[in-house]
All heavy atoms as atom14 arrays in JSON, in Angstrom:
{
  "sequence": "ELHTTTVVITHNVAIAAMADRVLRMRNGMIVESVANAAPVDPST",
  "atom14_mask": [
    [1, 1, 1, 1, 1, 1, 1, 1, 1, 0, 0, 0, 0, 0],
    [1, 1, 1, 1, 1, 1, 1, 1, 0, 0, 0, 0, 0, 0],
    [1, 1, 1, 1, 1, 1, 1, 1, 1, 1, 0, 0, 0, 0],
    [1, 1, 1, 1, 1, 1, 1, 0, 0, 0, 0, 0, 0, 0],
    [1, 1, 1, 1, 1, 1, 1, 0, 0, 0, 0, 0, 0, 0],
    [1, 1, 1, 1, 1, 1, 1, 0, 0, 0, 0, 0, 0, 0],
    [1, 1, 1, 1, 1, 1, 1, 0, 0, 0, 0, 0, 0, 0],
    [1, 1, 1, 1, 1, 1, 1, 0, 0, 0, 0, 0, 0, 0],
    [1, 1, 1, 1, 1, 1, 1, 1, 0, 0, 0, 0, 0, 0],
    [1, 1, 1, 1, 1, 1, 1, 0, 0, 0, 0, 0, 0, 0],
    [1, 1, 1, 1, 1, 1, 1, 1, 1, 1, 0, 0, 0, 0],
    [1, 1, 1, 1, 1, 1, 1, 1, 0, 0, 0, 0, 0, 0],
    [1, 1, 1, 1, 1, 1, 1, 0, 0, 0, 0, 0, 0, 0],
    [1, 1, 1, 1, 1, 0, 0, 0, 0, 0, 0, 0, 0, 0],
    [1, 1, 1, 1, 1, 1, 1, 1, 0, 0, 0, 0, 0, 0],
    [1, 1, 1, 1, 1, 0, 0, 0, 0, 0, 0, 0, 0, 0],
    [1, 1, 1, 1, 1, 0, 0, 0, 0, 0, 0, 0, 0, 0],
    [1, 1, 1, 1, 1, 1, 1, 1, 0, 0, 0, 0, 0, 0],
    [1, 1, 1, 1, 1, 0, 0, 0, 0, 0, 0, 0, 0, 0],
    [1, 1, 1, 1, 1, 1, 1, 1, 0, 0, 0, 0, 0, 0],
    [1, 1, 1, 1, 1, 1, 1, 1, 1, 1, 1, 0, 0, 0],
    [1, 1, 1, 1, 1, 1, 1, 0, 0, 0, 0, 0, 0, 0],
    [1, 1, 1, 1, 1, 1, 1, 1, 0, 0, 0, 0, 0, 0],
    [1, 1, 1, 1, 1, 1, 1, 1, 1, 1, 1, 0, 0, 0],
    [1, 1, 1, 1, 1, 1, 1, 1, 0, 0, 0, 0, 0, 0],
    [1, 1, 1, 1, 1, 1, 1, 1, 1, 1, 1, 0, 0, 0],
    [1, 1, 1, 1, 1, 1, 1, 1, 0, 0, 0, 0, 0, 0],
    [1, 1, 1, 1, 0, 0, 0, 0, 0, 0, 0, 0, 0, 0],
    [1, 1, 1, 1, 1, 1, 1, 1, 0, 0, 0, 0, 0, 0],
    [1, 1, 1, 1, 1, 1, 1, 1, 0, 0, 0, 0, 0, 0],
    [1, 1, 1, 1, 1, 1, 1, 0, 0, 0, 0, 0, 0, 0],
    [1, 1, 1, 1, 1, 1, 1, 1, 1, 0, 0, 0, 0, 0],
    [1, 1, 1, 1, 1, 1, 0, 0, 0, 0, 0, 0, 0, 0],
    [1, 1, 1, 1, 1, 1, 1, 0, 0, 0, 0, 0, 0, 0],
    [1, 1, 1, 1, 1, 0, 0, 0, 0, 0, 0, 0, 0, 0],
    [1, 1, 1, 1, 1, 1, 1, 1, 0, 0, 0, 0, 0, 0],
    [1, 1, 1, 1, 1, 0, 0, 0, 0, 0, 0, 0, 0, 0],
    [1, 1, 1, 1, 1, 0, 0, 0, 0, 0, 0, 0, 0, 0],
    [1, 1, 1, 1, 1, 1, 1, 0, 0, 0, 0, 0, 0, 0],
    [1, 1, 1, 1, 1, 1, 1, 0, 0, 0, 0, 0, 0, 0],
    [1, 1, 1, 1, 1, 1, 1, 1, 0, 0, 0, 0, 0, 0],
    [1, 1, 1, 1, 1, 1, 1, 0, 0, 0, 0, 0, 0, 0],
    [1, 1, 1, 1, 1, 1, 0, 0, 0, 0, 0, 0, 0, 0],
    [1, 1, 1, 1, 1, 1, 1, 0, 0, 0, 0, 0, 0, 0]
  ],
  "atom14_positions": [
    [[-18.53, -3.38, -88.99], [-18.23, -4.12, -90.22], [-18.59, -5.6, -90.13], [-18.96, -6.22, -91.13], [-16.76, -3.95, -90.58], [-16.39, -2.51, -90.93], [-14.96, -2.37, -91.41], [-14.35, -3.39, -91.81], [-14.44, -1.23, -91.39], [0.0, 0.0, 0.0], [0.0, 0.0, 0.0], [0.0, 0.0, 0.0], [0.0, 0.0, 0.0], [0.0, 0.0, 0.0]],
    [[-18.48, -6.17, -88.93], [-18.78, -7.59, -88.77], [-20.14, -7.82, -88.11], [-20.56, -8.96, -87.96], [-17.69, -8.27, -87.93], [-16.26, -8.17, -88.47], [-15.29, -8.88, -87.53], [-16.17, -8.74, -89.87], [0.0, 0.0, 0.0], [0.0, 0.0, 0.0], [0.0, 0.0, 0.0], [0.0, 0.0, 0.0], [0.0, 0.0, 0.0], [0.0, 0.0, 0.0]],
    [[-20.81, -6.72, -87.72], [-22.13, -6.79, -87.09], [-22.12, -7.63, -85.81], [-23.07, -8.34, -85.51], [-23.16, -7.34, -88.08], [-23.17, -6.63, -89.39], [-23.62, -5.33, -89.53], [-22.76, -7.02, -90.63], [-23.5, -4.96, -90.79], [-22.97, -5.96, -91.47], [0.0, 0.0, 0.0], [0.0, 0.0, 0.0], [0.0, 0.0, 0.0], [0.0, 0.0, 0.0]],
    [[-21.02, -7.55, -85.08], [-20.88, -8.29, -83.84], [-21.46, -7.48, -82.69], [-21.04, -6.34, -82.45], [-19.39, -8.58, -83.55], [-18.84, -9.32, -84.64], [-19.23, -9.38, -82.28], [0.0, 0.0, 0.0], [0.0, 0.0, 0.0], [0.0, 0.0, 0.0], [0.0, 0.0, 0.0], [0.0, 0.0, 0.0], [0.0, 0.0, 0.0], [0.0, 0.0, 0.0]],
    [[-22.42, -8.04, -81.99], [-22.95, -7.39, -80.8], [-21.81, -7.2, -79.81], [-21.1, -8.15, -79.48], [-24.05, -8.25, -80.16], [-25.08, -8.48, -81.14], [-24.64, -7.57, -78.94], [0.0, 0.0, 0.0], [0.0, 0.0, 0.0], [0.0, 0.0, 0.0], [0.0, 0.0, 0.0], [0.0, 0.0, 0.0], [0.0, 0.0, 0.0], [0.0, 0.0, 0.0]],
    [[-21.61, -5.97, -79.37], [-20.45, -5.64, -78.54], [-20.89, -5.02, -77.23], [-21.69, -4.09, -77.21], [-19.52, -4.66, -79.29], [-19.15, -5.24, -80.55], [-18.27, -4.37, -78.48], [0.0, 0.0, 0.0], [0.0, 0.0, 0.0], [0.0, 0.0, 0.0], [0.0, 0.0, 0.0], [0.0, 0.0, 0.0], [0.0, 0.0, 0.0], [0.0, 0.0, 0.0]],
    [[-20.37, -5.57, -76.13], [-20.68, -5.06, -74.79], [-19.37, -4.68, -74.12], [-18.46, -5.51, -74.0], [-21.41, -6.11, -73.93], [-21.74, -5.54, -72.56], [-22.69, -6.58, -74.63], [0.0, 0.0, 0.0], [0.0, 0.0, 0.0], [0.0, 0.0, 0.0], [0.0, 0.0, 0.0], [0.0, 0.0, 0.0], [0.0, 0.0, 0.0], [0.0, 0.0, 0.0]],
    [[-19.25, -3.43, -73.72], [-18.05, -2.92, -73.05], [-18.43, -2.48, -71.65], [-19.32, -1.64, -71.48], [-17.44, -1.73, -73.82], [-16.25, -1.16, -73.06], [-17.02, -2.15, -75.22], [0.0, 0.0, 0.0], [0.0, 0.0, 0.0], [0.0, 0.0, 0.0], [0.0, 0.0, 0.0], [0.0, 0.0, 0.0], [0.0, 0.0, 0.0], [0.0, 0.0, 0.0]],
    [[-17.77, -3.04, -70.65], [-17.99, -2.54, -69.29], [-16.8, -1.66, -68.92], [-15.65, -1.95, -69.24], [-18.2, -3.67, -68.27], [-16.96, -4.54, -68.1], [-19.4, -4.52, -68.65], [-17.07, -5.51, -66.95], [0.0, 0.0, 0.0], [0.0, 0.0, 0.0], [0.0, 0.0, 0.0], [0.0, 0.0, 0.0], [0.0, 0.0, 0.0], [0.0, 0.0, 0.0]],
    [[-17.11, -0.56, -68.25], [-16.09, 0.42, -67.92], [-16.58, 1.32, -66.8], [-17.78, 1.44, -66.57], [-15.72, 1.27, -69.16], [-14.69, 2.19, -68.82], [-16.92, 2.04, -69.68], [0.0, 0.0, 0.0], [0.0, 0.0, 0.0], [0.0, 0.0, 0.0], [0.0, 0.0, 0.0], [0.0, 0.0, 0.0], [0.0, 0.0, 0.0], [0.0, 0.0, 0.0]],
    [[-15.65, 1.95, -66.11], [-16.01, 3.0, -65.16], [-15.8, 4.38, -65.8], [-16.08, 5.41, -65.18], [-15.14, 2.89, -63.9], [-13.69, 3.14, -64.17], [-12.84, 2.15, -64.63], [-12.94, 4.26, -64.07], [-11.63, 2.66, -64.79], [-11.65, 3.94, -64.46], [0.0, 0.0, 0.0], [0.0, 0.0, 0.0], [0.0, 0.0, 0.0], [0.0, 0.0, 0.0]],
    [[-15.32, 4.39, -67.06], [-15.0, 5.63, -67.77], [-16.26, 6.17, -68.45], [-16.67, 5.67, -69.5], [-13.89, 5.37, -68.79], [-13.37, 6.64, -69.42], [-14.04, 7.66, -69.44], [-12.15, 6.57, -69.94], [0.0, 0.0, 0.0], [0.0, 0.0, 0.0], [0.0, 0.0, 0.0], [0.0, 0.0, 0.0], [0.0, 0.0, 0.0], [0.0, 0.0, 0.0]],
    [[-16.84, 7.21, -67.89], [-18.1, 7.75, -68.4], [-17.97, 8.26, -69.83], [-18.92, 8.18, -70.62], [-18.59, 8.88, -67.47], [-19.87, 9.52, -68.01], [-18.83, 8.35, -66.06], [0.0, 0.0, 0.0], [0.0, 0.0, 0.0], [0.0, 0.0, 0.0], [0.0, 0.0, 0.0], [0.0, 0.0, 0.0], [0.0, 0.0, 0.0], [0.0, 0.0, 0.0]],
    [[-16.8, 8.75, -70.21], [-16.63, 9.33, -71.54], [-16.89, 8.32, -72.65], [-17.38, 8.67, -73.73], [-15.22, 9.9, -71.68], [0.0, 0.0, 0.0], [0.0, 0.0, 0.0], [0.0, 0.0, 0.0], [0.0, 0.0, 0.0], [0.0, 0.0, 0.0], [0.0, 0.0, 0.0], [0.0, 0.0, 0.0], [0.0, 0.0, 0.0], [0.0, 0.0, 0.0]],
    [[-16.58, 7.06, -72.4], [-16.74, 6.02, -73.43], [-18.21, 5.83, -73.8], [-18.53, 5.4, -74.91], [-16.09, 4.7, -72.95], [-14.58, 4.9, -72.82], [-16.4, 3.55, -73.89], [-13.84, 3.7, -72.25], [0.0, 0.0, 0.0], [0.0, 0.0, 0.0], [0.0, 0.0, 0.0], [0.0, 0.0, 0.0], [0.0, 0.0, 0.0], [0.0, 0.0, 0.0]],
    [[-19.11, 6.19, -72.91], [-20.54, 6.01, -73.17], [-21.0, 6.75, -74.43], [-21.97, 6.33, -75.08], [-21.35, 6.49, -71.97], [0.0, 0.0, 0.0], [0.0, 0.0, 0.0], [0.0, 0.0, 0.0], [0.0, 0.0, 0.0], [0.0, 0.0, 0.0], [0.0, 0.0, 0.0], [0.0, 0.0, 0.0], [0.0, 0.0, 0.0], [0.0, 0.0, 0.0]],
    [[-20.32, 7.82, -74.79], [-20.76, 8.63, -75.93], [-20.69, 7.88, -77.26], [-21.34, 8.26, -78.22], [-19.94, 9.91, -76.01], [0.0, 0.0, 0.0], [0.0, 0.0, 0.0], [0.0, 0.0, 0.0], [0.0, 0.0, 0.0], [0.0, 0.0, 0.0], [0.0, 0.0, 0.0], [0.0, 0.0, 0.0], [0.0, 0.0, 0.0], [0.0, 0.0, 0.0]],
    [[-19.89, 6.81, -77.33], [-19.76, 6.07, -78.59], [-20.76, 4.91, -78.69], [-20.83, 4.24, -79.71], [-18.35, 5.52, -78.74], [-17.97, 4.46, -77.72], [-16.3, 3.75, -77.99], [-16.59, 2.75, -79.45], [0.0, 0.0, 0.0], [0.0, 0.0, 0.0], [0.0, 0.0, 0.0], [0.0, 0.0, 0.0], [0.0, 0.0, 0.0], [0.0, 0.0, 0.0]],
    [[-21.55, 4.68, -77.65], [-22.43, 3.51, -77.6], [-23.77, 3.77, -78.28], [-24.23, 4.91, -78.38], [-22.66, 3.11, -76.15], [0.0, 0.0, 0.0], [0.0, 0.0, 0.0], [0.0, 0.0, 0.0], [0.0, 0.0, 0.0], [0.0, 0.0, 0.0], [0.0, 0.0, 0.0], [0.0, 0.0, 0.0], [0.0, 0.0, 0.0], [0.0, 0.0, 0.0]],
    [[-24.39, 2.68, -78.74], [-25.78, 2.76, -79.18], [-26.72, 2.85, -77.99], [-27.79, 3.46, -78.06], [-26.15, 1.52, -80.0], [-25.32, 1.39, -81.27], [-25.11, 2.42, -81.93], [-24.89, 0.28, -81.59], [0.0, 0.0, 0.0], [0.0, 0.0, 0.0], [0.0, 0.0, 0.0], [0.0, 0.0, 0.0], [0.0, 0.0, 0.0], [0.0, 0.0, 0.0]],
    [[-26.29, 2.21, -76.89], [-27.11, 2.22, -75.68], [-26.19, 2.17, -74.47], [-25.13, 1.53, -74.5], [-28.07, 1.03, -75.66], [-29.08, 1.04, -74.52], [-30.32, 0.21, -74.86], [-30.0, -1.15, -75.24], [-30.24, -2.22, -74.47], [-30.79, -2.06, -73.26], [-29.95, -3.44, -74.9], [0.0, 0.0, 0.0], [0.0, 0.0, 0.0], [0.0, 0.0, 0.0]],
    [[-26.59, 2.86, -73.41], [-25.79, 2.93, -72.19], [-26.61, 2.4, -71.03], [-27.75, 2.83, -70.81], [-25.34, 4.38, -71.89], [-24.5, 4.42, -70.61], [-24.57, 4.96, -73.07], [0.0, 0.0, 0.0], [0.0, 0.0, 0.0], [0.0, 0.0, 0.0], [0.0, 0.0, 0.0], [0.0, 0.0, 0.0], [0.0, 0.0, 0.0], [0.0, 0.0, 0.0]],
    [[-26.04, 1.45, -70.29], [-26.65, 0.94, -69.08], [-25.81, 1.39, -67.89], [-24.58, 1.36, -67.95], [-26.7, -0.59, -69.09], [-27.36, -1.26, -70.3], [-27.27, -2.78, -70.18], [-28.8, -0.82, -70.45], [0.0, 0.0, 0.0], [0.0, 0.0, 0.0], [0.0, 0.0, 0.0], [0.0, 0.0, 0.0], [0.0, 0.0, 0.0], [0.0, 0.0, 0.0]],
    [[-26.48, 1.81, -66.83], [-25.77, 2.19, -65.61], [-26.13, 1.22, -64.5], [-27.32, 0.91, -64.31], [-26.12, 3.62, -65.19], [-25.59, 4.69, -66.15], [-25.97, 6.09, -65.7], [-25.51, 7.09, -66.63], [-24.31, 7.68, -66.59], [-23.47, 7.37, -65.62], [-23.96, 8.58, -67.49], [0.0, 0.0, 0.0], [0.0, 0.0, 0.0], [0.0, 0.0, 0.0]],
    [[-25.1, 0.75, -63.8], [-25.31, -0.19, -62.71], [-24.89, 0.41, -61.38], [-23.95, 1.2, -61.31], [-24.53, -1.49, -62.96], [-25.01, -2.28, -64.16], [-24.33, -3.96, -64.25], [-25.17, -4.72, -62.84], [0.0, 0.0, 0.0], [0.0, 0.0, 0.0], [0.0, 0.0, 0.0], [0.0, 0.0, 0.0], [0.0, 0.0, 0.0], [0.0, 0.0, 0.0]],
    [[-25.62, 0.03, -60.36], [-25.3, 0.46, -59.0], [-25.83, -0.6, -58.03], [-26.98, -1.04, -58.17], [-25.92, 1.82, -58.69], [-25.51, 2.41, -57.34], [-26.17, 3.75, -57.07], [-25.93, 4.71, -58.16], [-26.89, 5.28, -58.86], [-28.16, 4.98, -58.63], [-26.59, 6.13, -59.82], [0.0, 0.0, 0.0], [0.0, 0.0, 0.0], [0.0, 0.0, 0.0]],
    [[-24.98, -1.02, -57.12], [-25.38, -1.98, -56.08], [-26.02, -3.24, -56.66], [-27.01, -3.76, -56.15], [-26.35, -1.32, -55.09], [-25.74, -0.15, -54.37], [-24.54, -0.16, -54.07], [-26.53, 0.87, -54.09], [0.0, 0.0, 0.0], [0.0, 0.0, 0.0], [0.0, 0.0, 0.0], [0.0, 0.0, 0.0], [0.0, 0.0, 0.0], [0.0, 0.0, 0.0]],
    [[-25.44, -3.74, -57.77], [-25.9, -4.98, -58.34], [-27.15, -4.88, -59.17], [-27.71, -5.92, -59.57], [0.0, 0.0, 0.0], [0.0, 0.0, 0.0], [0.0, 0.0, 0.0], [0.0, 0.0, 0.0], [0.0, 0.0, 0.0], [0.0, 0.0, 0.0], [0.0, 0.0, 0.0], [0.0, 0.0, 0.0], [0.0, 0.0, 0.0], [0.0, 0.0, 0.0]],
    [[-27.58, -3.67, -59.49], [-28.81, -3.49, -60.27], [-28.56, -2.56, -61.44], [-27.7, -1.68, -61.37], [-29.92, -2.92, -59.38], [-30.35, -3.81, -58.24], [-31.68, -3.08, -57.24], [-30.72, -1.83, -56.36], [0.0, 0.0, 0.0], [0.0, 0.0, 0.0], [0.0, 0.0, 0.0], [0.0, 0.0, 0.0], [0.0, 0.0, 0.0], [0.0, 0.0, 0.0]],
    [[-29.32, -2.76, -62.53], [-29.32, -1.8, -63.63], [-30.3, -0.7, -63.27], [-31.51, -0.94, -63.14], [-29.72, -2.48, -64.96], [-28.66, -3.51, -65.36], [-29.87, -1.43, -66.06], [-29.01, -4.29, -66.61], [0.0, 0.0, 0.0], [0.0, 0.0, 0.0], [0.0, 0.0, 0.0], [0.0, 0.0, 0.0], [0.0, 0.0, 0.0], [0.0, 0.0, 0.0]],
    [[-29.8, 0.5, -63.08], [-30.64, 1.6, -62.61], [-31.05, 2.54, -63.73], [-31.91, 3.4, -63.53], [-29.93, 2.39, -61.49], [-29.71, 1.5, -60.27], [-28.6, 2.98, -61.97], [0.0, 0.0, 0.0], [0.0, 0.0, 0.0], [0.0, 0.0, 0.0], [0.0, 0.0, 0.0], [0.0, 0.0, 0.0], [0.0, 0.0, 0.0], [0.0, 0.0, 0.0]],
    [[-30.42, 2.38, -64.91], [-30.77, 3.26, -66.03], [-30.37, 2.59, -67.34], [-29.33, 1.94, -67.44], [-30.05, 4.6, -65.89], [-30.44, 5.63, -66.94], [-29.71, 6.95, -66.74], [-28.49, 6.93, -66.46], [-30.37, 7.99, -66.88], [0.0, 0.0, 0.0], [0.0, 0.0, 0.0], [0.0, 0.0, 0.0], [0.0, 0.0, 0.0], [0.0, 0.0, 0.0]],
    [[-31.21, 2.73, -68.36], [-30.91, 2.28, -69.71], [-31.3, 3.4, -70.66], [-32.47, 3.79, -70.72], [-31.69, 1.0, -70.05], [-31.49, 0.63, -71.4], [0.0, 0.0, 0.0], [0.0, 0.0, 0.0], [0.0, 0.0, 0.0], [0.0, 0.0, 0.0], [0.0, 0.0, 0.0], [0.0, 0.0, 0.0], [0.0, 0.0, 0.0], [0.0, 0.0, 0.0]],
    [[-30.31, 3.93, -71.41], [-30.55, 5.09, -72.26], [-30.04, 4.81, -73.66], [-28.86, 4.45, -73.85], [-29.85, 6.34, -71.7], [-30.08, 7.54, -72.62], [-30.34, 6.65, -70.29], [0.0, 0.0, 0.0], [0.0, 0.0, 0.0], [0.0, 0.0, 0.0], [0.0, 0.0, 0.0], [0.0, 0.0, 0.0], [0.0, 0.0, 0.0], [0.0, 0.0, 0.0]],
    [[-30.9, 4.98, -74.66], [-30.47, 4.86, -76.06], [-29.77, 6.14, -76.47], [-30.17, 7.24, -76.09], [-31.68, 4.6, -76.95], [0.0, 0.0, 0.0], [0.0, 0.0, 0.0], [0.0, 0.0, 0.0], [0.0, 0.0, 0.0], [0.0, 0.0, 0.0], [0.0, 0.0, 0.0], [0.0, 0.0, 0.0], [0.0, 0.0, 0.0], [0.0, 0.0, 0.0]],
    [[-28.72, 5.98, -77.27], [-27.95, 7.12, -77.75], [-28.3, 7.35, -79.21], [-27.93, 6.54, -80.07], [-26.46, 6.85, -77.56], [-25.6, 8.06, -77.84], [-26.09, 9.1, -78.3], [-24.31, 7.94, -77.58], [0.0, 0.0, 0.0], [0.0, 0.0, 0.0], [0.0, 0.0, 0.0], [0.0, 0.0, 0.0], [0.0, 0.0, 0.0], [0.0, 0.0, 0.0]],
    [[-28.98, 8.43, -79.51], [-29.44, 8.68, -80.88], [-28.3, 9.0, -81.83], [-28.42, 8.78, -83.04], [-30.45, 9.83, -80.88], [0.0, 0.0, 0.0], [0.0, 0.0, 0.0], [0.0, 0.0, 0.0], [0.0, 0.0, 0.0], [0.0, 0.0, 0.0], [0.0, 0.0, 0.0], [0.0, 0.0, 0.0], [0.0, 0.0, 0.0], [0.0, 0.0, 0.0]],
    [[-27.19, 9.5, -81.32], [-26.09, 9.92, -82.19], [-24.75, 9.52, -81.58], [-24.03, 10.37, -81.02], [-26.14, 11.42, -82.43], [0.0, 0.0, 0.0], [0.0, 0.0, 0.0], [0.0, 0.0, 0.0], [0.0, 0.0, 0.0], [0.0, 0.0, 0.0], [0.0, 0.0, 0.0], [0.0, 0.0, 0.0], [0.0, 0.0, 0.0], [0.0, 0.0, 0.0]],
    [[-24.38, 8.23, -81.66], [-23.07, 7.81, -81.13], [-21.93, 8.55, -81.83], [-21.96, 8.76, -83.04], [-23.03, 6.32, -81.47], [-24.45, 5.92, -81.66], [-25.13, 7.11, -82.25], [0.0, 0.0, 0.0], [0.0, 0.0, 0.0], [0.0, 0.0, 0.0], [0.0, 0.0, 0.0], [0.0, 0.0, 0.0], [0.0, 0.0, 0.0], [0.0, 0.0, 0.0]],
    [[-20.93, 8.94, -81.06], [-19.82, 9.72, -81.61], [-18.7, 8.81, -82.05], [-18.61, 7.65, -81.64], [-19.3, 10.76, -80.6], [-20.42, 11.64, -80.1], [-18.6, 10.05, -79.43], [0.0, 0.0, 0.0], [0.0, 0.0, 0.0], [0.0, 0.0, 0.0], [0.0, 0.0, 0.0], [0.0, 0.0, 0.0], [0.0, 0.0, 0.0], [0.0, 0.0, 0.0]],
    [[-17.83, 9.33, -82.89], [-16.64, 8.61, -83.31], [-15.69, 8.51, -82.12], [-15.45, 9.5, -81.42], [-15.95, 9.37, -84.46], [-14.83, 8.57, -85.07], [-13.81, 8.36, -84.38], [-14.97, 8.18, -86.23], [0.0, 0.0, 0.0], [0.0, 0.0, 0.0], [0.0, 0.0, 0.0], [0.0, 0.0, 0.0], [0.0, 0.0, 0.0], [0.0, 0.0, 0.0]],
    [[-15.13, 7.32, -81.86], [-14.23, 7.17, -80.7], [-13.05, 8.12, -80.71], [-12.56, 8.51, -79.65], [-13.77, 5.71, -80.82], [-14.82, 5.03, -81.6], [-15.35, 6.05, -82.55], [0.0, 0.0, 0.0], [0.0, 0.0, 0.0], [0.0, 0.0, 0.0], [0.0, 0.0, 0.0], [0.0, 0.0, 0.0], [0.0, 0.0, 0.0], [0.0, 0.0, 0.0]],
    [[-12.6, 8.55, -81.89], [-11.43, 9.44, -81.96], [-11.72, 10.8, -81.36], [-10.79, 11.55, -81.05], [-10.99, 9.6, -83.41], [-11.98, 10.26, -84.19], [0.0, 0.0, 0.0], [0.0, 0.0, 0.0], [0.0, 0.0, 0.0], [0.0, 0.0, 0.0], [0.0, 0.0, 0.0], [0.0, 0.0, 0.0], [0.0, 0.0, 0.0], [0.0, 0.0, 0.0]],
    [[-12.99, 11.16, -81.19], [-13.36, 12.47, -80.66], [-13.59, 12.44, -79.15], [-13.86, 13.48, -78.55], [-14.63, 13.0, -81.34], [-15.75, 12.17, -80.99], [-14.47, 13.0, -82.85], [0.0, 0.0, 0.0], [0.0, 0.0, 0.0], [0.0, 0.0, 0.0], [0.0, 0.0, 0.0], [0.0, 0.0, 0.0], [0.0, 0.0, 0.0], [0.0, 0.0, 0.0]]
  ]
}
């Protein structure tokens, strides 16, 4: 609604399903960047 760019860091893999894009980090590096074509509603 406010068009605010939002970045959430978490160890909870399930939260990734609601994102437009998911980045995975390991040992101080971004090892994967994946666009999510169909982000889900957080309530699900």
